[in-house]
Amino acid sequence: MEDKGCPWKVTARAVGRTKIVQVHIFRNEHNHSLEDVSISEPVVRCNRATAMIDDVIRSNPDYLPRQICKDFRRQYGMQLNYCQAWNLKEKAKERIHVSIHGFQLGPRPIILIDSSHMSGPYKGALFSASSYDADDGMFPLAYDLFSSENYEDWLWFLEKLKMVIGERDVIIISDRHQGIIRSVSELNTKERKGKENALQMLDSIAYASSMKVSNGKAFLEVDLMERTCTCKAWQMSGIPCDHACAAIRRMGFDVFDYVDD
């Protein structure tokens, strides 16, 4: 913490993962009044401040800068302006994106998921997912704290993890907890249903691409995907005939997109 115009300064850092704080710089000189002391604000480094909101951004990507300002003021006694809060959010998003992007490009398609039951004053279970990089080093993907290890929590955790994995095929290593087995089975079922729905949608689109158009005397069949009409004019000229134009407009498409190059 320091105040502009005053040489007094103290800089401290946490020692490892302990609750011990080590003072590195202490300059005990003042040249201001007590009134100035009462309005001075604590100063925190950008990287440290970004780490403070990492978990919040992971669970709530829509975390607004103005809410960040309010939370920092209430929780840490720090006054941020809108621009500072916006920069912190962008840096936090970048850190998260690097982890996701890094997995999609580098590590092996093997994911180890596990939970550790916490002891001490804070109970609960720590869920984690990690992979292996090219040097057999651990590549952390995700972690979260839950009150216990159960099916509902594993399903939520694995749903979020799947957002990181995307469509990549992976091998999952676990202790085969019943919550994990049930969650993975349900996710696979949802994925299969999603693919079936997508195929049904494609079938509907393919069916809709072929339709009958009346010329006042008879019905002619127009196929937009094959770019054909039973009057043969479209195939011969490469330009949609009147029947094809009617079908294209009925589907809400642009006629010029169906003209051969």
C-alpha atoms as a PDB file:
ATOM      1  CA  MET A   1       0.000   0.000   0.000  1.00  0.00           C
ATOM      2  CA  GLU A   2       1.226   3.492  -0.795  1.00  0.00           C
ATOM      3  CA  ASP A   3      -0.094   6.999  -1.246  1.00  0.00           C
ATOM      4  CA  LYS A   4       0.851   9.285  -4.112  1.00  0.00           C
ATOM      5  CA  GLY A   5       3.229  12.031  -2.999  1.00  0.00           C
ATOM      6  CA  CYS A   6       4.196  10.239   0.207  1.00  0.00           C
ATOM      7  CA  PRO A   7       7.408   8.135   0.477  1.00  0.00           C
ATOM      8  CA  TRP A   8       5.755   5.713   2.972  1.00  0.00           C
ATOM      9  CA  LYS A   9       5.430   2.278   1.418  1.00  0.00           C
ATOM     10  CA  VAL A  10       4.947  -1.353   2.394  1.00  0.00           C
ATOM     11  CA  THR A  11       5.031  -4.339   0.025  1.00  0.00           C
ATOM     12  CA  ALA A  12       4.183  -7.874   1.153  1.00  0.00           C
ATOM     13  CA  ARG A  13       3.579 -11.252  -0.458  1.00  0.00           C
ATOM     14  CA  ALA A  14       2.107 -14.531   0.723  1.00  0.00           C
ATOM     15  CA  VAL A  15       4.597 -17.302   1.506  1.00  0.00           C
ATOM     16  CA  GLY A  16       3.681 -20.214  -0.755  1.00  0.00           C
ATOM     17  CA  ARG A  17       0.212 -21.534   0.027  1.00  0.00           C
ATOM     18  CA  THR A  18       0.387 -20.645   3.705  1.00  0.00           C
ATOM     19  CA  LYS A  19      -1.395 -17.836   5.523  1.00  0.00           C
ATOM     20  CA  ILE A  20       1.952 -16.225   6.346  1.00  0.00           C
ATOM     21  CA  VAL A  21       2.670 -12.847   4.740  1.00  0.00           C
ATOM     22  CA  GLN A  22       6.284 -11.741   4.286  1.00  0.00           C
ATOM     23  CA  VAL A  23       7.098  -8.027   4.106  1.00  0.00           C
ATOM     24  CA  HIS A  24       9.640  -7.214   1.392  1.00  0.00           C
ATOM     25  CA  ILE A  25       9.693  -3.413   1.450  1.00  0.00           C
ATOM     26  CA  PHE A  26       8.872  -1.106   4.370  1.00  0.00           C
ATOM     27  CA  ARG A  27       9.627   2.620   4.136  1.00  0.00           C
ATOM     28  CA  ASN A  28       8.408   4.319   7.316  1.00  0.00           C
ATOM     29  CA  GLU A  29       8.382   7.974   6.251  1.00  0.00           C
ATOM     30  CA  HIS A  30       5.341  10.235   5.980  1.00  0.00           C
ATOM     31  CA  ASN A  31       4.768  13.748   4.669  1.00  0.00           C
ATOM     32  CA  HIS A  32       0.937  14.001   4.796  1.00  0.00           C
ATOM     33  CA  SER A  33      -1.786  14.580   7.361  1.00  0.00           C
ATOM     34  CA  LEU A  34      -4.075  12.141   9.144  1.00  0.00           C
ATOM     35  CA  GLU A  35      -6.911  13.194   6.840  1.00  0.00           C
ATOM     36  CA  ASP A  36      -4.911  11.882   3.873  1.00  0.00           C
ATOM     37  CA  VAL A  37      -4.394   8.560   5.619  1.00  0.00           C
ATOM     38  CA  SER A  38      -8.131   8.081   6.095  1.00  0.00           C
ATOM     39  CA  ILE A  39      -8.828   8.357   2.349  1.00  0.00           C
ATOM     40  CA  SER A  40      -5.871   6.320   1.031  1.00  0.00           C
ATOM     41  CA  GLU A  41      -6.708   3.169  -0.936  1.00  0.00           C
ATOM     42  CA  PRO A  42      -4.965  -0.230  -0.938  1.00  0.00           C
ATOM     43  CA  VAL A  43      -3.083  -1.084  -4.128  1.00  0.00           C
ATOM     44  CA  VAL A  44      -3.029  -4.563  -5.677  1.00  0.00           C
ATOM     45  CA  ARG A  45      -1.104  -5.823  -8.686  1.00  0.00           C
ATOM     46  CA  CYS A  46      -3.079  -6.541 -11.866  1.00  0.00           C
ATOM     47  CA  ASN A  47      -2.202 -10.260 -11.966  1.00  0.00           C
ATOM     48  CA  ARG A  48      -3.277 -10.694  -8.354  1.00  0.00           C
ATOM     49  CA  ALA A  49      -6.536  -8.828  -8.934  1.00  0.00           C
ATOM     50  CA  THR A  50      -7.243 -10.928 -12.029  1.00  0.00           C
ATOM     51  CA  ALA A  51      -6.751 -14.131 -10.019  1.00  0.00           C
ATOM     52  CA  MET A  52      -9.343 -12.847  -7.524  1.00  0.00           C
ATOM     53  CA  ILE A  53     -12.102 -12.978 -10.130  1.00  0.00           C
ATOM     54  CA  ASP A  54     -10.987 -16.036 -12.142  1.00  0.00           C
ATOM     55  CA  ASP A  55     -13.426 -18.377 -10.408  1.00  0.00           C
ATOM     56  CA  VAL A  56     -16.279 -15.894 -10.697  1.00  0.00           C
ATOM     57  CA  ILE A  57     -15.711 -15.479 -14.444  1.00  0.00           C
ATOM     58  CA  ARG A  58     -15.597 -19.259 -14.914  1.00  0.00           C
ATOM     59  CA  SER A  59     -19.011 -19.716 -13.268  1.00  0.00           C
ATOM     60  CA  ASN A  60     -20.523 -16.454 -14.537  1.00  0.00           C
ATOM     61  CA  PRO A  61     -19.088 -15.230 -17.874  1.00  0.00           C
ATOM     62  CA  ASP A  62     -21.591 -12.343 -17.822  1.00  0.00           C
ATOM     63  CA  TYR A  63     -20.001 -10.830 -14.691  1.00  0.00           C
ATOM     64  CA  LEU A  64     -20.378  -7.090 -15.360  1.00  0.00           C
ATOM     65  CA  PRO A  65     -17.560  -4.558 -14.773  1.00  0.00           C
ATOM     66  CA  ARG A  66     -19.809  -2.368 -12.611  1.00  0.00           C
ATOM     67  CA  GLN A  67     -20.532  -5.397 -10.390  1.00  0.00           C
ATOM     68  CA  ILE A  68     -16.783  -6.072 -10.165  1.00  0.00           C
ATOM     69  CA  CYS A  69     -16.339  -2.487  -8.895  1.00  0.00           C
ATOM     70  CA  LYS A  70     -18.997  -3.005  -6.208  1.00  0.00           C
ATOM     71  CA  ASP A  71     -17.614  -6.377  -5.108  1.00  0.00           C
ATOM     72  CA  PHE A  72     -14.020  -5.130  -4.865  1.00  0.00           C
ATOM     73  CA  ARG A  73     -15.154  -2.170  -2.794  1.00  0.00           C
ATOM     74  CA  ARG A  74     -17.234  -4.347  -0.461  1.00  0.00           C
ATOM     75  CA  GLN A  75     -14.868  -7.316  -0.103  1.00  0.00           C
ATOM     76  CA  TYR A  76     -11.412  -5.744  -0.356  1.00  0.00           C
ATOM     77  CA  GLY A  77     -11.990  -2.048   0.345  1.00  0.00           C
ATOM     78  CA  MET A  78     -10.597  -1.172  -3.104  1.00  0.00           C
ATOM     79  CA  GLN A  79     -12.031   1.470  -5.420  1.00  0.00           C
ATOM     80  CA  LEU A  80     -11.894   0.492  -9.111  1.00  0.00           C
ATOM     81  CA  ASN A  81     -13.156   2.555 -11.999  1.00  0.00           C
ATOM     82  CA  TYR A  82     -15.122   0.978 -14.862  1.00  0.00           C
ATOM     83  CA  CYS A  83     -12.116   0.784 -17.191  1.00  0.00           C
ATOM     84  CA  GLN A  84      -9.995  -1.033 -14.590  1.00  0.00           C
ATOM     85  CA  ALA A  85     -12.768  -3.533 -13.898  1.00  0.00           C
ATOM     86  CA  TRP A  86     -13.259  -4.145 -17.621  1.00  0.00           C
ATOM     87  CA  ASN A  87      -9.519  -4.801 -18.074  1.00  0.00           C
ATOM     88  CA  LEU A  88      -9.508  -7.254 -15.165  1.00  0.00           C
ATOM     89  CA  LYS A  89     -12.406  -9.175 -16.689  1.00  0.00           C
ATOM     90  CA  GLU A  90     -10.721  -9.341 -20.106  1.00  0.00           C
ATOM     91  CA  LYS A  91      -7.459 -10.601 -18.571  1.00  0.00           C
ATOM     92  CA  ALA A  92      -9.353 -13.238 -16.573  1.00  0.00           C
ATOM     93  CA  LYS A  93     -11.155 -14.396 -19.735  1.00  0.00           C
ATOM     94  CA  GLU A  94      -7.804 -14.572 -21.531  1.00  0.00           C
ATOM     95  CA  ARG A  95      -6.299 -16.744 -18.781  1.00  0.00           C
ATOM     96  CA  ILE A  96      -9.257 -19.122 -18.941  1.00  0.00           C
ATOM     97  CA  HIS A  97      -9.173 -19.219 -22.748  1.00  0.00           C
ATOM     98  CA  VAL A  98      -5.463 -20.096 -22.731  1.00  0.00           C
ATOM     99  CA  SER A  99      -6.199 -23.200 -20.630  1.00  0.00           C
ATOM    100  CA  ILE A 100      -9.041 -24.314 -22.922  1.00  0.00           C
ATOM    101  CA  HIS A 101      -7.181 -23.500 -26.132  1.00  0.00           C
ATOM    102  CA  GLY A 102      -4.046 -25.185 -24.820  1.00  0.00           C
ATOM    103  CA  PHE A 103      -5.885 -28.463 -24.232  1.00  0.00           C
ATOM    104  CA  GLN A 104      -7.449 -28.412 -27.692  1.00  0.00           C
ATOM    105  CA  LEU A 105      -4.011 -28.012 -29.301  1.00  0.00           C
ATOM    106  CA  GLY A 106      -1.465 -29.757 -27.147  1.00  0.00           C
ATOM    107  CA  PRO A 107      -2.113 -32.359 -24.432  1.00  0.00           C
ATOM    108  CA  ARG A 108      -2.882 -35.988 -25.076  1.00  0.00           C
ATOM    109  CA  PRO A 109      -6.569 -36.978 -25.311  1.00  0.00           C
ATOM    110  CA  ILE A 110      -6.481 -38.494 -21.830  1.00  0.00           C
ATOM    111  CA  ILE A 111      -8.310 -36.891 -18.898  1.00  0.00           C
ATOM    112  CA  LEU A 112      -7.998 -37.920 -15.275  1.00  0.00           C
ATOM    113  CA  ILE A 113     -10.987 -36.959 -13.123  1.00  0.00           C
ATOM    114  CA  ASP A 114     -10.954 -37.404  -9.368  1.00  0.00           C
ATOM    115  CA  SER A 115     -12.221 -35.967  -6.107  1.00  0.00           C
ATOM    116  CA  SER A 116     -10.477 -35.377  -2.809  1.00  0.00           C
ATOM    117  CA  HIS A 117     -12.357 -35.110   0.452  1.00  0.00           C
ATOM    118  CA  MET A 118     -11.190 -32.093   2.420  1.00  0.00           C
ATOM    119  CA  SER A 119     -10.370 -32.184   6.101  1.00  0.00           C
ATOM    120  CA  GLY A 120      -9.840 -29.408   8.606  1.00  0.00           C
ATOM    121  CA  PRO A 121     -12.207 -26.513   9.287  1.00  0.00           C
ATOM    122  CA  TYR A 122     -13.519 -26.483   5.700  1.00  0.00           C
ATOM    123  CA  LYS A 123     -15.248 -29.695   4.683  1.00  0.00           C
ATOM    124  CA  GLY A 124     -16.382 -30.806   1.260  1.00  0.00           C
ATOM    125  CA  ALA A 125     -14.960 -32.397  -1.874  1.00  0.00           C
ATOM    126  CA  LEU A 126     -12.522 -30.975  -4.420  1.00  0.00           C
ATOM    127  CA  PHE A 127     -13.325 -32.146  -7.956  1.00  0.00           C
ATOM    128  CA  SER A 128     -10.513 -31.921 -10.492  1.00  0.00           C
ATOM    129  CA  ALA A 129      -9.798 -32.765 -14.123  1.00  0.00           C
ATOM    130  CA  SER A 130      -6.311 -32.842 -15.607  1.00  0.00           C
ATOM    131  CA  SER A 131      -4.509 -34.138 -18.674  1.00  0.00           C
ATOM    132  CA  TYR A 132      -0.932 -34.896 -19.753  1.00  0.00           C
ATOM    133  CA  ASP A 133       1.219 -32.756 -22.015  1.00  0.00           C
ATOM    134  CA  ALA A 134       3.913 -33.968 -24.438  1.00  0.00           C
ATOM    135  CA  ASP A 135       6.478 -34.156 -21.605  1.00  0.00           C
ATOM    136  CA  ASP A 136       4.184 -36.243 -19.382  1.00  0.00           C
ATOM    137  CA  GLY A 137       3.589 -33.181 -17.222  1.00  0.00           C
ATOM    138  CA  MET A 138       0.237 -32.493 -15.586  1.00  0.00           C
ATOM    139  CA  PHE A 139      -2.022 -30.102 -17.508  1.00  0.00           C
ATOM    140  CA  PRO A 140      -4.847 -28.842 -15.220  1.00  0.00           C
ATOM    141  CA  LEU A 141      -8.177 -28.357 -16.957  1.00  0.00           C
ATOM    142  CA  ALA A 142     -10.808 -27.680 -14.315  1.00  0.00           C
ATOM    143  CA  TYR A 143     -11.517 -27.832 -10.592  1.00  0.00           C
ATOM    144  CA  ASP A 144     -14.321 -26.895  -8.246  1.00  0.00           C
ATOM    145  CA  LEU A 145     -15.443 -27.298  -4.642  1.00  0.00           C
ATOM    146  CA  PHE A 146     -18.636 -29.127  -3.646  1.00  0.00           C
ATOM    147  CA  SER A 147     -20.301 -29.969  -0.377  1.00  0.00           C
ATOM    148  CA  SER A 148     -20.027 -33.703  -1.110  1.00  0.00           C
ATOM    149  CA  GLU A 149     -19.387 -36.239  -3.878  1.00  0.00           C
ATOM    150  CA  ASN A 150     -22.689 -37.201  -5.509  1.00  0.00           C
ATOM    151  CA  TYR A 151     -24.342 -37.719  -8.879  1.00  0.00           C
ATOM    152  CA  GLU A 152     -25.805 -34.212  -9.238  1.00  0.00           C
ATOM    153  CA  ASP A 153     -22.465 -32.502  -8.582  1.00  0.00           C
ATOM    154  CA  TRP A 154     -20.541 -34.847 -10.891  1.00  0.00           C
ATOM    155  CA  LEU A 155     -23.091 -34.280 -13.668  1.00  0.00           C
ATOM    156  CA  TRP A 156     -22.747 -30.492 -13.347  1.00  0.00           C
ATOM    157  CA  PHE A 157     -18.941 -30.710 -13.276  1.00  0.00           C
ATOM    158  CA  LEU A 158     -18.724 -33.017 -16.305  1.00  0.00           C
ATOM    159  CA  GLU A 159     -21.187 -30.893 -18.285  1.00  0.00           C
ATOM    160  CA  LYS A 160     -18.894 -27.888 -17.803  1.00  0.00           C
ATOM    161  CA  LEU A 161     -15.842 -30.029 -18.595  1.00  0.00           C
ATOM    162  CA  LYS A 162     -17.424 -31.139 -21.865  1.00  0.00           C
ATOM    163  CA  MET A 163     -17.636 -27.481 -22.878  1.00  0.00           C
ATOM    164  CA  VAL A 164     -13.824 -27.390 -22.607  1.00  0.00           C
ATOM    165  CA  ILE A 165     -13.306 -30.691 -24.456  1.00  0.00           C
ATOM    166  CA  GLY A 166     -15.677 -29.827 -27.284  1.00  0.00           C
ATOM    167  CA  GLU A 167     -16.003 -32.523 -29.960  1.00  0.00           C
ATOM    168  CA  ARG A 168     -12.596 -34.048 -29.268  1.00  0.00           C
ATOM    169  CA  ASP A 169     -12.608 -37.795 -28.481  1.00  0.00           C
ATOM    170  CA  VAL A 170     -10.926 -38.458 -25.139  1.00  0.00           C
ATOM    171  CA  ILE A 171     -10.161 -41.324 -22.766  1.00  0.00           C
ATOM    172  CA  ILE A 172     -11.365 -40.748 -19.190  1.00  0.00           C
ATOM    173  CA  ILE A 173      -9.548 -42.287 -16.237  1.00  0.00           C
ATOM    174  CA  SER A 174     -11.413 -42.331 -12.913  1.00  0.00           C
ATOM    175  CA  ASP A 175     -12.031 -44.384  -9.777  1.00  0.00           C
ATOM    176  CA  ARG A 176     -15.428 -45.406 -11.231  1.00  0.00           C
ATOM    177  CA  HIS A 177     -17.454 -43.675  -8.547  1.00  0.00           C
ATOM    178  CA  GLN A 178     -21.153 -44.352  -9.132  1.00  0.00           C
ATOM    179  CA  GLY A 179     -21.789 -40.643  -9.602  1.00  0.00           C
ATOM    180  CA  ILE A 180     -19.166 -40.515 -12.382  1.00  0.00           C
ATOM    181  CA  ILE A 181     -20.436 -43.618 -14.163  1.00  0.00           C
ATOM    182  CA  ARG A 182     -24.046 -42.402 -14.098  1.00  0.00           C
ATOM    183  CA  SER A 183     -23.105 -38.874 -15.198  1.00  0.00           C
ATOM    184  CA  VAL A 184     -20.969 -40.049 -18.122  1.00  0.00           C
ATOM    185  CA  SER A 185     -23.754 -42.389 -19.231  1.00  0.00           C
ATOM    186  CA  GLU A 186     -26.308 -39.571 -19.163  1.00  0.00           C
ATOM    187  CA  LEU A 187     -24.032 -37.194 -21.071  1.00  0.00           C
ATOM    188  CA  ASN A 188     -23.489 -39.836 -23.759  1.00  0.00           C
ATOM    189  CA  THR A 189     -27.245 -40.371 -23.992  1.00  0.00           C
ATOM    190  CA  LYS A 190     -27.831 -36.636 -24.425  1.00  0.00           C
ATOM    191  CA  GLU A 191     -25.137 -36.488 -27.106  1.00  0.00           C
ATOM    192  CA  ARG A 192     -26.683 -39.375 -29.036  1.00  0.00           C
ATOM    193  CA  LYS A 193     -30.110 -37.735 -28.877  1.00  0.00           C
ATOM    194  CA  GLY A 194     -28.584 -34.471 -30.050  1.00  0.00           C
ATOM    195  CA  LYS A 195     -27.003 -36.203 -33.053  1.00  0.00           C
ATOM    196  CA  GLU A 196     -30.290 -37.967 -33.852  1.00  0.00           C
ATOM    197  CA  ASN A 197     -32.138 -34.639 -33.723  1.00  0.00           C
ATOM    198  CA  ALA A 198     -29.509 -33.102 -36.004  1.00  0.00           C
ATOM    199  CA  LEU A 199     -29.912 -35.950 -38.500  1.00  0.00           C
ATOM    200  CA  GLN A 200     -33.690 -35.538 -38.399  1.00  0.00           C
ATOM    201  CA  MET A 201     -33.246 -31.841 -39.071  1.00  0.00           C
ATOM    202  CA  LEU A 202     -30.970 -32.586 -42.033  1.00  0.00           C
ATOM    203  CA  ASP A 203     -33.543 -35.039 -43.370  1.00  0.00           C
ATOM    204  CA  SER A 204     -36.216 -32.352 -43.072  1.00  0.00           C
ATOM    205  CA  ILE A 205     -34.036 -29.845 -44.905  1.00  0.00           C
ATOM    206  CA  ALA A 206     -33.269 -32.356 -47.661  1.00  0.00           C
ATOM    207  CA  TYR A 207     -36.960 -33.186 -47.985  1.00  0.00           C
ATOM    208  CA  ALA A 208     -37.901 -29.497 -48.064  1.00  0.00           C
ATOM    209  CA  SER A 209     -35.333 -28.833 -50.810  1.00  0.00           C
ATOM    210  CA  SER A 210     -37.456 -30.873 -53.206  1.00  0.00           C
ATOM    211  CA  MET A 211     -40.931 -29.466 -53.879  1.00  0.00           C
ATOM    212  CA  LYS A 212     -43.660 -29.282 -56.478  1.00  0.00           C
ATOM    213  CA  VAL A 213     -44.471 -26.015 -58.256  1.00  0.00           C
ATOM    214  CA  SER A 214     -47.539 -25.417 -60.408  1.00  0.00           C
ATOM    215  CA  ASN A 215     -47.288 -23.679 -63.794  1.00  0.00           C
ATOM    216  CA  GLY A 216     -51.063 -23.367 -64.082  1.00  0.00           C
ATOM    217  CA  LYS A 217     -51.478 -26.577 -66.045  1.00  0.00           C
ATOM    218  CA  ALA A 218     -49.381 -29.150 -64.209  1.00  0.00           C
ATOM    219  CA  PHE A 219     -47.051 -29.581 -61.250  1.00  0.00           C
ATOM    220  CA  LEU A 220     -43.305 -29.594 -61.858  1.00  0.00           C
ATOM    221  CA  GLU A 221     -40.754 -30.903 -59.365  1.00  0.00           C
ATOM    222  CA  VAL A 222     -37.923 -28.593 -58.348  1.00  0.00           C
ATOM    223  CA  ASP A 223     -34.892 -29.849 -56.386  1.00  0.00           C
ATOM    224  CA  LEU A 224     -32.836 -26.998 -54.943  1.00  0.00           C
ATOM    225  CA  MET A 225     -29.962 -29.192 -53.797  1.00  0.00           C
ATOM    226  CA  GLU A 226     -29.587 -30.881 -57.177  1.00  0.00           C
ATOM    227  CA  ARG A 227     -30.473 -27.640 -59.008  1.00  0.00           C
ATOM    228  CA  THR A 228     -32.942 -29.358 -61.295  1.00  0.00           C
ATOM    229  CA  CYS A 229     -36.465 -28.846 -62.563  1.00  0.00           C
ATOM    230  CA  THR A 230     -38.583 -31.279 -64.564  1.00  0.00           C
ATOM    231  CA  CYS A 231     -38.967 -28.590 -67.264  1.00  0.00           C
ATOM    232  CA  LYS A 232     -35.173 -29.052 -67.882  1.00  0.00           C
ATOM    233  CA  ALA A 233     -34.604 -25.300 -68.445  1.00  0.00           C
ATOM    234  CA  TRP A 234     -32.514 -24.881 -65.268  1.00  0.00           C
ATOM    235  CA  GLN A 235     -30.177 -27.765 -66.158  1.00  0.00           C
ATOM    236  CA  MET A 236     -29.670 -26.518 -69.714  1.00  0.00           C
ATOM    237  CA  SER A 237     -28.980 -22.834 -68.990  1.00  0.00           C
ATOM    238  CA  GLY A 238     -27.544 -22.920 -65.454  1.00  0.00           C
ATOM    239  CA  ILE A 239     -30.028 -20.149 -64.576  1.00  0.00           C
ATOM    240  CA  PRO A 240     -33.040 -20.925 -62.364  1.00  0.00           C
ATOM    241  CA  CYS A 241     -36.237 -21.197 -64.397  1.00  0.00           C
ATOM    242  CA  ASP A 242     -39.500 -19.547 -63.333  1.00  0.00           C
ATOM    243  CA  HIS A 243     -40.504 -22.647 -61.382  1.00  0.00           C
ATOM    244  CA  ALA A 244     -37.144 -22.804 -59.601  1.00  0.00           C
ATOM    245  CA  CYS A 245     -37.315 -19.076 -58.785  1.00  0.00           C
ATOM    246  CA  ALA A 246     -40.728 -19.598 -57.197  1.00  0.00           C
ATOM    247  CA  ALA A 247     -39.357 -22.477 -55.074  1.00  0.00           C
ATOM    248  CA  ILE A 248     -36.250 -20.517 -54.063  1.00  0.00           C
ATOM    249  CA  ARG A 249     -38.296 -17.509 -52.956  1.00  0.00           C
ATOM    250  CA  ARG A 250     -40.709 -19.780 -51.090  1.00  0.00           C
ATOM    251  CA  MET A 251     -37.753 -21.064 -49.028  1.00  0.00           C
ATOM    252  CA  GLY A 252     -36.592 -17.495 -48.383  1.00  0.00           C
ATOM    253  CA  PHE A 253     -33.341 -17.855 -50.334  1.00  0.00           C
ATOM    254  CA  ASP A 254     -31.647 -15.550 -52.834  1.00  0.00           C
ATOM    255  CA  VAL A 255     -32.161 -16.513 -56.492  1.00  0.00           C
ATOM    256  CA  PHE A 256     -28.698 -15.214 -57.463  1.00  0.00           C
ATOM    257  CA  ASP A 257     -27.088 -17.823 -55.174  1.00  0.00           C
ATOM    258  CA  TYR A 258     -28.460 -20.537 -57.456  1.00  0.00           C
ATOM    259  CA  VAL A 259     -27.021 -19.177 -60.708  1.00  0.00           C
ATOM    260  CA  ASP A 260     -24.122 -21.317 -61.984  1.00  0.00           C
ATOM    261  CA  ASP A 261     -20.727 -19.618 -62.131  1.00  0.00           C
END
